[in-house]
N, C-alpha and C. Protein backbone atom coordinates (compact mmCIF):
# COMPACT_ATOMS: atom_id res chain seq x y z
N UNK A 1 -12.14 -44.96 55.22
CA UNK A 1 -10.85 -44.53 55.68
C UNK A 1 -9.99 -45.70 56.10
N UNK A 2 -10.48 -46.91 55.82
CA UNK A 2 -9.70 -48.09 56.11
C UNK A 2 -8.53 -48.25 55.12
N UNK A 3 -7.60 -49.08 55.48
CA UNK A 3 -6.44 -49.35 54.66
C UNK A 3 -6.61 -50.68 53.91
N UNK A 4 -6.02 -50.75 52.73
CA UNK A 4 -6.02 -51.98 51.94
C UNK A 4 -4.56 -52.34 51.64
N UNK A 5 -4.17 -53.55 51.99
CA UNK A 5 -2.78 -53.99 51.86
C UNK A 5 -2.69 -54.90 50.63
N UNK A 6 -1.76 -54.63 49.69
CA UNK A 6 -1.59 -55.47 48.52
C UNK A 6 -0.52 -56.50 48.77
N UNK A 7 -0.49 -57.54 47.91
CA UNK A 7 0.55 -58.57 48.02
C UNK A 7 1.94 -58.01 47.88
N UNK A 8 2.08 -56.92 47.13
CA UNK A 8 3.38 -56.26 46.94
C UNK A 8 3.82 -55.52 48.21
N UNK A 9 2.97 -55.41 49.22
CA UNK A 9 3.33 -54.73 50.45
C UNK A 9 2.97 -53.28 50.51
N UNK A 10 2.24 -52.76 49.52
CA UNK A 10 1.85 -51.37 49.53
C UNK A 10 0.50 -51.22 50.24
N UNK A 11 0.30 -50.07 50.87
CA UNK A 11 -0.93 -49.75 51.53
C UNK A 11 -1.67 -48.69 50.74
N UNK A 12 -3.01 -48.84 50.61
CA UNK A 12 -3.83 -47.86 49.91
C UNK A 12 -4.93 -47.44 50.87
N UNK A 13 -5.34 -46.21 50.82
CA UNK A 13 -6.40 -45.73 51.69
C UNK A 13 -6.91 -44.38 51.24
N UNK A 14 -7.85 -43.87 52.04
CA UNK A 14 -8.44 -42.57 51.77
C UNK A 14 -8.28 -41.68 53.02
N UNK A 15 -8.28 -40.40 52.81
CA UNK A 15 -8.37 -39.42 53.90
C UNK A 15 -9.64 -38.63 53.71
N UNK A 16 -10.35 -38.38 54.80
CA UNK A 16 -11.61 -37.66 54.75
C UNK A 16 -11.40 -36.22 54.35
N UNK A 17 -10.28 -35.63 54.80
CA UNK A 17 -9.95 -34.26 54.48
C UNK A 17 -8.51 -34.26 53.91
N UNK A 18 -8.05 -33.04 53.59
CA UNK A 18 -6.71 -32.91 53.03
C UNK A 18 -6.75 -32.91 51.53
N UNK A 19 -5.58 -32.72 50.93
CA UNK A 19 -5.50 -32.62 49.47
C UNK A 19 -5.61 -31.18 48.99
N UNK A 20 -5.53 -31.03 47.67
CA UNK A 20 -5.50 -29.70 47.11
C UNK A 20 -6.82 -29.05 46.79
N UNK A 21 -7.91 -29.79 46.84
CA UNK A 21 -9.23 -29.26 46.47
C UNK A 21 -9.96 -28.71 47.69
N UNK A 22 -10.99 -27.96 47.42
CA UNK A 22 -11.88 -27.38 48.48
C UNK A 22 -11.11 -26.48 49.41
N UNK A 23 -11.85 -25.73 50.18
CA UNK A 23 -11.22 -24.85 51.18
C UNK A 23 -11.37 -25.52 52.51
N UNK A 24 -10.88 -24.90 53.56
CA UNK A 24 -10.97 -25.38 54.92
C UNK A 24 -10.44 -26.77 55.15
N UNK A 25 -9.28 -27.05 54.63
CA UNK A 25 -8.62 -28.32 54.93
C UNK A 25 -8.73 -29.38 53.89
N UNK A 26 -9.36 -29.13 52.77
CA UNK A 26 -9.41 -30.08 51.66
C UNK A 26 -10.61 -30.98 51.71
N UNK A 27 -10.87 -31.62 50.55
CA UNK A 27 -12.04 -32.53 50.38
C UNK A 27 -11.64 -33.98 50.42
N UNK A 28 -10.38 -34.29 50.75
CA UNK A 28 -9.98 -35.68 50.88
C UNK A 28 -9.12 -36.16 49.75
N UNK A 29 -8.49 -37.30 49.99
CA UNK A 29 -7.55 -37.89 49.03
C UNK A 29 -7.66 -39.40 48.97
N UNK A 30 -7.09 -39.98 47.92
CA UNK A 30 -6.76 -41.39 47.85
C UNK A 30 -5.27 -41.45 47.81
N UNK A 31 -4.64 -42.29 48.64
CA UNK A 31 -3.18 -42.31 48.74
C UNK A 31 -2.63 -43.75 48.69
N UNK A 32 -1.35 -43.83 48.43
CA UNK A 32 -0.60 -45.09 48.45
C UNK A 32 0.63 -44.89 49.34
N UNK A 33 0.93 -45.89 50.21
CA UNK A 33 2.13 -45.92 51.00
C UNK A 33 2.96 -47.10 50.52
N UNK A 34 4.22 -46.82 50.19
CA UNK A 34 5.12 -47.84 49.69
C UNK A 34 6.27 -47.99 50.67
N UNK A 35 6.62 -49.25 51.09
CA UNK A 35 7.78 -49.43 51.98
C UNK A 35 9.04 -48.86 51.34
N UNK A 36 9.84 -48.11 52.12
CA UNK A 36 11.01 -47.49 51.58
C UNK A 36 12.09 -47.41 52.68
N UNK A 37 13.07 -48.25 52.57
CA UNK A 37 14.18 -48.25 53.57
C UNK A 37 13.68 -48.38 54.97
N UNK A 38 13.81 -47.30 55.73
CA UNK A 38 13.43 -47.31 57.12
C UNK A 38 12.03 -46.77 57.41
N UNK A 39 11.27 -46.53 56.36
CA UNK A 39 9.92 -46.00 56.58
C UNK A 39 9.03 -46.25 55.38
N UNK A 40 8.19 -45.25 55.09
CA UNK A 40 7.21 -45.37 54.02
C UNK A 40 7.26 -44.14 53.16
N UNK A 41 7.01 -44.28 51.89
CA UNK A 41 6.86 -43.18 50.96
C UNK A 41 5.39 -43.00 50.60
N UNK A 42 4.88 -41.80 50.82
CA UNK A 42 3.47 -41.50 50.52
C UNK A 42 3.34 -40.89 49.11
N UNK A 43 2.32 -41.36 48.39
CA UNK A 43 1.99 -40.78 47.07
C UNK A 43 0.46 -40.53 47.05
N UNK A 44 0.08 -39.30 46.83
CA UNK A 44 -1.37 -38.98 46.68
C UNK A 44 -1.76 -39.35 45.26
N UNK A 45 -2.71 -40.25 45.12
CA UNK A 45 -3.17 -40.71 43.84
C UNK A 45 -4.25 -39.80 43.27
N UNK A 46 -5.04 -39.20 44.18
CA UNK A 46 -6.12 -38.30 43.72
C UNK A 46 -6.52 -37.36 44.83
N UNK A 47 -6.74 -36.08 44.55
CA UNK A 47 -7.29 -35.11 45.50
C UNK A 47 -8.65 -34.67 45.01
N UNK A 48 -9.66 -34.90 45.85
CA UNK A 48 -11.04 -34.54 45.48
C UNK A 48 -11.22 -33.03 45.47
N UNK A 49 -12.05 -32.55 44.51
CA UNK A 49 -12.28 -31.15 44.34
C UNK A 49 -13.61 -30.66 44.91
N UNK A 50 -14.49 -31.60 45.30
CA UNK A 50 -15.77 -31.23 45.86
C UNK A 50 -16.79 -30.81 44.80
N UNK A 51 -16.53 -31.09 43.54
CA UNK A 51 -17.45 -30.80 42.45
C UNK A 51 -18.10 -32.09 41.98
N UNK A 52 -18.13 -32.28 40.67
CA UNK A 52 -18.75 -33.50 40.15
C UNK A 52 -18.01 -34.76 40.52
N UNK A 53 -16.72 -34.64 40.94
CA UNK A 53 -15.95 -35.83 41.35
C UNK A 53 -16.31 -36.29 42.76
N UNK A 54 -17.00 -35.46 43.53
CA UNK A 54 -17.39 -35.79 44.90
C UNK A 54 -16.38 -35.19 45.89
N UNK A 55 -16.64 -35.49 47.15
CA UNK A 55 -15.76 -34.98 48.20
C UNK A 55 -15.94 -35.80 49.48
N UNK A 56 -14.89 -35.83 50.28
CA UNK A 56 -14.89 -36.47 51.59
C UNK A 56 -15.08 -37.99 51.51
N UNK A 57 -14.06 -38.69 51.00
CA UNK A 57 -14.15 -40.16 50.90
C UNK A 57 -13.96 -40.77 52.28
N UNK A 58 -15.01 -41.28 52.85
CA UNK A 58 -14.94 -41.90 54.18
C UNK A 58 -14.73 -43.43 54.04
N UNK A 59 -15.28 -43.97 52.98
CA UNK A 59 -15.21 -45.41 52.75
C UNK A 59 -13.80 -45.83 52.38
N UNK A 60 -13.50 -47.11 52.59
CA UNK A 60 -12.21 -47.68 52.13
C UNK A 60 -12.27 -47.97 50.64
N UNK A 61 -11.26 -48.64 50.17
CA UNK A 61 -11.09 -48.93 48.76
C UNK A 61 -11.14 -50.41 48.49
N UNK A 62 -11.42 -50.77 47.21
CA UNK A 62 -11.37 -52.15 46.79
C UNK A 62 -10.71 -52.21 45.40
N UNK A 63 -9.94 -53.23 45.16
CA UNK A 63 -9.32 -53.43 43.87
C UNK A 63 -10.13 -54.44 43.06
N UNK A 64 -10.10 -54.26 41.71
CA UNK A 64 -10.63 -55.30 40.85
C UNK A 64 -9.46 -56.18 40.38
N UNK A 65 -9.72 -57.19 39.57
CA UNK A 65 -8.69 -58.13 39.16
C UNK A 65 -7.70 -57.51 38.20
N UNK A 66 -7.99 -56.36 37.62
CA UNK A 66 -7.10 -55.68 36.71
C UNK A 66 -6.23 -54.64 37.42
N UNK A 67 -6.36 -54.45 38.73
CA UNK A 67 -5.56 -53.49 39.46
C UNK A 67 -6.11 -52.11 39.52
N UNK A 68 -7.41 -51.94 39.17
CA UNK A 68 -8.08 -50.65 39.32
C UNK A 68 -8.65 -50.52 40.73
N UNK A 69 -8.65 -49.32 41.25
CA UNK A 69 -9.16 -49.01 42.58
C UNK A 69 -10.58 -48.47 42.47
N UNK A 70 -11.45 -48.84 43.41
CA UNK A 70 -12.82 -48.38 43.48
C UNK A 70 -13.10 -47.85 44.86
N UNK A 71 -13.88 -46.77 44.92
CA UNK A 71 -14.25 -46.22 46.22
C UNK A 71 -15.45 -45.30 46.09
N UNK A 72 -15.75 -44.59 47.18
CA UNK A 72 -16.89 -43.72 47.20
C UNK A 72 -16.67 -42.51 48.11
N UNK A 73 -17.38 -41.43 47.81
CA UNK A 73 -17.31 -40.26 48.65
C UNK A 73 -18.64 -40.06 49.39
N UNK A 74 -18.64 -39.36 50.51
CA UNK A 74 -19.86 -39.12 51.26
C UNK A 74 -20.72 -38.03 50.66
N UNK A 75 -20.08 -37.00 50.09
CA UNK A 75 -20.79 -35.80 49.67
C UNK A 75 -20.41 -35.37 48.29
N UNK A 76 -21.11 -34.34 47.86
CA UNK A 76 -20.84 -33.64 46.59
C UNK A 76 -21.19 -34.54 45.36
N UNK A 77 -20.66 -34.26 44.23
CA UNK A 77 -21.08 -34.89 43.01
C UNK A 77 -22.30 -34.13 42.43
N UNK A 78 -22.71 -34.48 41.24
CA UNK A 78 -23.79 -33.75 40.60
C UNK A 78 -25.12 -33.94 41.33
N UNK A 79 -25.30 -35.04 42.05
CA UNK A 79 -26.52 -35.28 42.84
C UNK A 79 -26.40 -34.86 44.30
N UNK A 80 -25.23 -34.37 44.70
CA UNK A 80 -24.96 -33.90 46.06
C UNK A 80 -25.00 -35.01 47.12
N UNK A 81 -25.05 -36.26 46.70
CA UNK A 81 -25.13 -37.36 47.68
C UNK A 81 -23.91 -38.24 47.65
N UNK A 82 -22.80 -37.72 47.16
CA UNK A 82 -21.57 -38.53 47.05
C UNK A 82 -21.44 -39.18 45.73
N UNK A 83 -20.28 -39.79 45.48
CA UNK A 83 -20.00 -40.43 44.20
C UNK A 83 -19.39 -41.79 44.39
N UNK A 84 -19.48 -42.60 43.36
CA UNK A 84 -18.73 -43.88 43.27
C UNK A 84 -17.71 -43.65 42.16
N UNK A 85 -16.44 -43.97 42.41
CA UNK A 85 -15.38 -43.66 41.47
C UNK A 85 -14.45 -44.86 41.27
N UNK A 86 -13.69 -44.73 40.22
CA UNK A 86 -12.64 -45.72 39.85
C UNK A 86 -11.36 -44.95 39.56
N UNK A 87 -10.23 -45.47 40.03
CA UNK A 87 -8.92 -44.95 39.66
C UNK A 87 -8.16 -46.05 38.91
N UNK A 88 -7.74 -45.71 37.71
CA UNK A 88 -7.03 -46.68 36.86
C UNK A 88 -5.59 -46.26 36.72
N UNK A 89 -4.64 -47.22 36.83
CA UNK A 89 -3.24 -46.90 36.62
C UNK A 89 -3.01 -46.46 35.19
N UNK A 90 -2.24 -45.38 35.02
CA UNK A 90 -1.99 -44.85 33.66
C UNK A 90 -0.69 -44.10 33.61
N UNK A 91 0.26 -44.56 32.84
CA UNK A 91 1.56 -43.87 32.63
C UNK A 91 2.23 -43.41 33.93
N UNK A 92 2.27 -44.29 34.94
CA UNK A 92 2.94 -43.97 36.18
C UNK A 92 2.08 -43.20 37.13
N UNK A 93 0.87 -42.82 36.73
CA UNK A 93 -0.06 -42.11 37.61
C UNK A 93 -1.39 -42.86 37.65
N UNK A 94 -2.42 -42.17 38.04
CA UNK A 94 -3.75 -42.76 38.13
C UNK A 94 -4.77 -41.80 37.51
N UNK A 95 -5.74 -42.37 36.76
CA UNK A 95 -6.77 -41.57 36.11
C UNK A 95 -8.06 -41.79 36.86
N UNK A 96 -8.73 -40.66 37.18
CA UNK A 96 -10.04 -40.69 37.89
C UNK A 96 -11.16 -40.88 36.89
N UNK A 97 -12.06 -41.81 37.21
CA UNK A 97 -13.27 -42.06 36.40
C UNK A 97 -14.47 -42.01 37.33
N UNK A 98 -15.44 -41.18 37.03
CA UNK A 98 -16.67 -41.13 37.81
C UNK A 98 -17.62 -42.22 37.31
N UNK A 99 -18.04 -43.12 38.20
CA UNK A 99 -18.95 -44.19 37.83
C UNK A 99 -20.41 -43.82 38.02
N UNK A 100 -20.67 -43.11 39.14
CA UNK A 100 -22.08 -42.77 39.43
C UNK A 100 -22.12 -41.67 40.48
N UNK A 101 -23.05 -40.75 40.35
CA UNK A 101 -23.27 -39.70 41.31
C UNK A 101 -24.58 -39.97 42.07
N UNK A 102 -24.51 -40.18 43.38
CA UNK A 102 -25.66 -40.46 44.19
C UNK A 102 -26.42 -39.16 44.50
N UNK A 103 -27.73 -39.30 44.82
CA UNK A 103 -28.49 -38.11 45.19
C UNK A 103 -29.38 -38.44 46.37
N UNK A 104 -29.70 -37.41 47.14
CA UNK A 104 -30.61 -37.46 48.29
C UNK A 104 -30.10 -38.30 49.45
N UNK A 105 -28.88 -38.74 49.40
CA UNK A 105 -28.31 -39.56 50.47
C UNK A 105 -26.94 -39.05 50.80
N UNK A 106 -26.33 -39.66 51.81
CA UNK A 106 -24.91 -39.54 52.03
C UNK A 106 -24.30 -40.78 51.43
N UNK A 107 -23.19 -40.65 50.77
CA UNK A 107 -22.54 -41.79 50.14
C UNK A 107 -22.09 -42.83 51.16
N UNK A 108 -21.51 -43.92 50.67
CA UNK A 108 -21.11 -45.04 51.54
C UNK A 108 -20.10 -44.62 52.64
N UNK A 109 -20.33 -45.17 53.82
CA UNK A 109 -19.42 -45.00 54.97
C UNK A 109 -18.39 -46.09 54.98
N UNK A 110 -18.66 -47.19 54.22
CA UNK A 110 -17.75 -48.33 54.21
C UNK A 110 -17.50 -48.81 52.83
N UNK A 111 -16.56 -49.69 52.66
CA UNK A 111 -16.07 -50.12 51.37
C UNK A 111 -17.18 -50.74 50.52
N UNK A 112 -17.08 -50.54 49.21
CA UNK A 112 -17.90 -51.26 48.24
C UNK A 112 -17.39 -52.68 48.13
N UNK A 113 -18.22 -53.57 47.60
CA UNK A 113 -17.79 -54.94 47.40
C UNK A 113 -18.19 -55.37 45.97
N UNK A 114 -17.39 -56.26 45.39
CA UNK A 114 -17.65 -56.87 44.10
C UNK A 114 -18.31 -58.22 44.29
N UNK A 115 -19.15 -58.63 43.32
CA UNK A 115 -19.61 -59.99 43.27
C UNK A 115 -18.74 -60.75 42.24
N UNK A 116 -19.05 -62.01 41.99
CA UNK A 116 -18.19 -62.86 41.16
C UNK A 116 -18.19 -62.39 39.68
N UNK A 117 -19.18 -61.66 39.24
CA UNK A 117 -19.22 -61.24 37.84
C UNK A 117 -18.89 -59.76 37.62
N UNK A 118 -18.46 -59.06 38.70
CA UNK A 118 -17.95 -57.69 38.54
C UNK A 118 -18.93 -56.61 38.84
N UNK A 119 -20.10 -56.91 39.46
CA UNK A 119 -21.02 -55.87 39.91
C UNK A 119 -20.54 -55.32 41.23
N UNK A 120 -20.75 -54.06 41.45
CA UNK A 120 -20.40 -53.39 42.71
C UNK A 120 -21.61 -53.18 43.57
N UNK A 121 -21.45 -53.36 44.89
CA UNK A 121 -22.54 -53.15 45.82
C UNK A 121 -22.10 -52.23 46.94
N UNK A 122 -23.03 -51.42 47.44
CA UNK A 122 -22.74 -50.52 48.51
C UNK A 122 -23.99 -50.13 49.27
N UNK A 123 -23.79 -49.45 50.40
CA UNK A 123 -24.89 -48.95 51.19
C UNK A 123 -24.72 -47.45 51.34
N UNK A 124 -25.83 -46.75 51.53
CA UNK A 124 -25.77 -45.30 51.71
C UNK A 124 -26.77 -44.94 52.82
N UNK A 125 -26.41 -43.89 53.58
CA UNK A 125 -27.25 -43.41 54.66
C UNK A 125 -28.13 -42.28 54.20
N UNK A 126 -29.15 -41.93 55.01
CA UNK A 126 -29.98 -40.78 54.74
C UNK A 126 -30.19 -40.04 56.03
N UNK A 127 -30.27 -38.72 55.95
CA UNK A 127 -30.37 -37.91 57.16
C UNK A 127 -31.59 -38.26 58.05
N UNK A 128 -32.64 -38.80 57.46
CA UNK A 128 -33.82 -39.13 58.25
C UNK A 128 -33.67 -40.50 58.96
N UNK A 129 -32.49 -41.13 58.88
CA UNK A 129 -32.28 -42.39 59.58
C UNK A 129 -32.54 -43.62 58.70
N UNK A 130 -32.96 -43.43 57.47
CA UNK A 130 -33.22 -44.57 56.59
C UNK A 130 -31.93 -44.93 55.84
N UNK A 131 -31.97 -44.98 54.52
CA UNK A 131 -30.82 -45.34 53.70
C UNK A 131 -31.22 -46.37 52.68
N UNK A 132 -30.19 -46.91 52.00
CA UNK A 132 -30.48 -47.88 50.93
C UNK A 132 -29.26 -48.78 50.68
N UNK A 133 -29.50 -49.84 49.96
CA UNK A 133 -28.45 -50.71 49.44
C UNK A 133 -28.58 -50.68 47.92
N UNK A 134 -27.44 -50.54 47.24
CA UNK A 134 -27.49 -50.40 45.79
C UNK A 134 -26.50 -51.32 45.07
N UNK A 135 -26.72 -51.43 43.77
CA UNK A 135 -25.87 -52.25 42.90
C UNK A 135 -25.50 -51.37 41.68
N UNK A 136 -24.24 -51.47 41.27
CA UNK A 136 -23.80 -50.87 40.00
C UNK A 136 -23.30 -51.98 39.08
N UNK A 137 -23.90 -52.05 37.91
CA UNK A 137 -23.58 -53.09 36.95
C UNK A 137 -22.84 -52.48 35.77
N UNK A 138 -21.61 -53.04 35.45
CA UNK A 138 -20.89 -52.51 34.32
C UNK A 138 -21.50 -52.91 32.98
N UNK A 139 -21.40 -52.03 32.01
CA UNK A 139 -21.86 -52.33 30.67
C UNK A 139 -21.11 -51.51 29.64
N UNK A 140 -21.36 -51.71 28.39
CA UNK A 140 -20.65 -51.03 27.33
C UNK A 140 -20.86 -49.54 27.37
N UNK A 141 -21.98 -49.06 27.88
CA UNK A 141 -22.27 -47.65 27.94
C UNK A 141 -21.99 -47.01 29.29
N UNK A 142 -21.34 -47.72 30.20
CA UNK A 142 -21.05 -47.22 31.53
C UNK A 142 -21.66 -48.14 32.59
N UNK A 143 -21.93 -47.58 33.73
CA UNK A 143 -22.45 -48.39 34.87
C UNK A 143 -23.92 -48.08 35.06
N UNK A 144 -24.70 -49.10 35.30
CA UNK A 144 -26.14 -48.95 35.55
C UNK A 144 -26.40 -49.09 37.05
N UNK A 145 -27.13 -48.10 37.58
CA UNK A 145 -27.44 -48.08 39.00
C UNK A 145 -28.79 -48.72 39.24
N UNK A 146 -28.89 -49.54 40.32
CA UNK A 146 -30.13 -50.16 40.73
C UNK A 146 -30.23 -50.06 42.26
N UNK A 147 -31.35 -49.56 42.79
CA UNK A 147 -31.59 -49.59 44.22
C UNK A 147 -32.16 -50.97 44.57
N UNK A 148 -31.51 -51.70 45.46
CA UNK A 148 -31.97 -53.02 45.83
C UNK A 148 -33.00 -52.92 46.98
N UNK A 149 -32.84 -51.97 47.85
CA UNK A 149 -33.81 -51.76 48.95
C UNK A 149 -33.66 -50.39 49.53
N UNK A 150 -34.79 -49.70 49.73
CA UNK A 150 -34.87 -48.44 50.48
C UNK A 150 -35.31 -48.78 51.93
N UNK A 151 -34.45 -48.50 52.87
CA UNK A 151 -34.79 -48.75 54.28
C UNK A 151 -35.78 -47.68 54.78
N UNK A 152 -36.60 -48.08 55.74
CA UNK A 152 -37.61 -47.18 56.30
C UNK A 152 -37.30 -46.72 57.69
N UNK A 153 -36.28 -47.22 58.33
CA UNK A 153 -35.93 -47.00 59.72
C UNK A 153 -37.02 -47.59 60.63
N UNK A 154 -37.70 -48.59 60.08
CA UNK A 154 -38.72 -49.32 60.84
C UNK A 154 -38.21 -50.72 61.11
N UNK A 155 -39.11 -51.71 60.89
CA UNK A 155 -38.75 -53.12 61.15
C UNK A 155 -37.62 -53.59 60.25
N UNK A 156 -37.46 -53.01 59.06
CA UNK A 156 -36.39 -53.42 58.15
C UNK A 156 -35.05 -52.80 58.52
N UNK A 157 -35.03 -51.79 59.35
CA UNK A 157 -33.79 -51.16 59.76
C UNK A 157 -33.60 -49.77 59.15
N UNK A 158 -32.51 -49.16 59.50
CA UNK A 158 -32.13 -47.86 58.99
C UNK A 158 -30.66 -47.59 59.24
N UNK A 159 -30.08 -46.71 58.51
CA UNK A 159 -28.65 -46.37 58.53
C UNK A 159 -27.79 -47.61 58.32
N UNK A 160 -27.81 -48.15 57.13
CA UNK A 160 -26.93 -49.31 56.79
C UNK A 160 -25.52 -48.79 56.53
N UNK A 161 -24.69 -48.70 57.52
CA UNK A 161 -23.40 -48.05 57.39
C UNK A 161 -22.26 -49.02 57.05
N UNK A 162 -22.43 -50.30 57.26
CA UNK A 162 -21.37 -51.26 57.02
C UNK A 162 -21.28 -51.67 55.55
N UNK A 163 -20.22 -52.36 55.20
CA UNK A 163 -20.05 -52.94 53.90
C UNK A 163 -20.99 -54.13 53.72
N UNK A 164 -21.61 -54.26 52.57
CA UNK A 164 -22.42 -55.48 52.34
C UNK A 164 -21.53 -56.65 52.03
N UNK A 165 -22.10 -57.85 52.12
CA UNK A 165 -21.47 -59.10 51.70
C UNK A 165 -22.33 -59.71 50.61
N UNK A 166 -21.69 -60.37 49.62
CA UNK A 166 -22.42 -61.00 48.54
C UNK A 166 -22.03 -62.47 48.51
N UNK A 167 -23.05 -63.39 48.48
CA UNK A 167 -22.70 -64.79 48.40
C UNK A 167 -22.64 -65.28 46.94
N UNK A 168 -22.36 -66.54 46.73
CA UNK A 168 -22.17 -67.07 45.37
C UNK A 168 -23.47 -67.06 44.56
N UNK A 169 -24.62 -66.97 45.21
CA UNK A 169 -25.90 -66.93 44.50
C UNK A 169 -26.36 -65.50 44.20
N UNK A 170 -25.57 -64.51 44.65
CA UNK A 170 -25.94 -63.13 44.37
C UNK A 170 -26.80 -62.49 45.45
N UNK A 171 -26.99 -63.17 46.58
CA UNK A 171 -27.71 -62.60 47.70
C UNK A 171 -26.81 -61.59 48.42
N UNK A 172 -27.34 -60.46 48.81
CA UNK A 172 -26.57 -59.41 49.46
C UNK A 172 -27.00 -59.31 50.92
N UNK A 173 -26.01 -59.25 51.85
CA UNK A 173 -26.28 -59.24 53.26
C UNK A 173 -25.61 -58.00 53.89
N UNK A 174 -26.16 -57.54 54.98
CA UNK A 174 -25.56 -56.44 55.72
C UNK A 174 -26.25 -56.21 57.02
N UNK A 175 -25.85 -55.11 57.68
CA UNK A 175 -26.43 -54.71 58.94
C UNK A 175 -26.90 -53.25 58.84
N UNK A 176 -27.90 -52.91 59.67
CA UNK A 176 -28.38 -51.58 59.79
C UNK A 176 -28.32 -51.16 61.24
N UNK A 177 -27.89 -49.92 61.45
CA UNK A 177 -27.65 -49.41 62.82
C UNK A 177 -28.94 -49.21 63.59
N UNK A 178 -30.00 -48.78 62.94
CA UNK A 178 -31.25 -48.44 63.61
C UNK A 178 -32.38 -49.44 63.23
N UNK A 179 -33.52 -49.24 63.86
CA UNK A 179 -34.73 -49.98 63.48
C UNK A 179 -34.74 -51.41 64.04
N UNK A 180 -35.60 -52.22 63.45
CA UNK A 180 -35.78 -53.59 63.88
C UNK A 180 -36.86 -53.68 64.95
N UNK A 181 -37.15 -54.89 65.38
CA UNK A 181 -38.21 -55.09 66.38
C UNK A 181 -37.90 -54.48 67.74
N UNK A 182 -36.62 -54.39 68.12
CA UNK A 182 -36.22 -53.79 69.36
C UNK A 182 -35.58 -52.41 69.21
N UNK A 183 -35.62 -51.90 67.99
CA UNK A 183 -35.05 -50.57 67.66
C UNK A 183 -33.54 -50.48 67.91
N UNK A 184 -32.86 -51.63 67.79
CA UNK A 184 -31.42 -51.62 68.03
C UNK A 184 -30.64 -52.10 66.76
N UNK A 185 -31.33 -52.11 65.63
CA UNK A 185 -30.67 -52.48 64.37
C UNK A 185 -31.14 -53.82 63.84
N UNK A 186 -30.71 -54.10 62.63
CA UNK A 186 -31.11 -55.34 61.94
C UNK A 186 -29.94 -55.95 61.20
N UNK A 187 -30.08 -57.22 60.87
CA UNK A 187 -29.28 -57.90 59.90
C UNK A 187 -30.22 -58.17 58.73
N UNK A 188 -29.84 -57.76 57.53
CA UNK A 188 -30.75 -57.87 56.38
C UNK A 188 -30.18 -58.69 55.25
N UNK A 189 -31.09 -59.11 54.35
CA UNK A 189 -30.69 -59.86 53.14
C UNK A 189 -31.52 -59.29 51.99
N UNK A 190 -30.85 -59.03 50.88
CA UNK A 190 -31.55 -58.61 49.63
C UNK A 190 -31.25 -59.71 48.61
N UNK A 191 -32.30 -60.29 48.07
CA UNK A 191 -32.15 -61.41 47.14
C UNK A 191 -32.49 -60.95 45.74
N UNK A 192 -31.81 -61.53 44.70
CA UNK A 192 -32.09 -61.15 43.32
C UNK A 192 -33.49 -61.58 42.88
């Protein structure tokens, strides 16, 4: 639900609820705010339907170098664990592309991140306090999903809710809310 500010001065973000899909207040949206005279003009880029597209985008957004938006939802999708999606600019609007449907988890609570070669990384929580860190690699047939680590909610931590960081060597870093030697969380590293 964080905001992303572009060099052109536009703001992009997500709403956890609202939009035209789902009942009881909507399944969330992706929006753009453009400076306009004395205020801002809002444009909804996508309204989640709570089906295979996912629902309830809690995480923020990230742009690639071509101007496409990437994000994630907490719930729904074919695996019921949220989705990772892309929105591409098209004829004055935006086209939704499903990249991957997560299962057995809640989708990312925080923004995905890119590495230098275009792979996407994220974290996901699990109801039992564990969770995982994952990588999505683009290819000619779509995106390939890889679990980098399954947390146990033990010494390695649990509930990795923050955005990961990736260094120039491809090492992935992050934090976990639970677990560790003092049961107050961990700072972790996943190496290739």
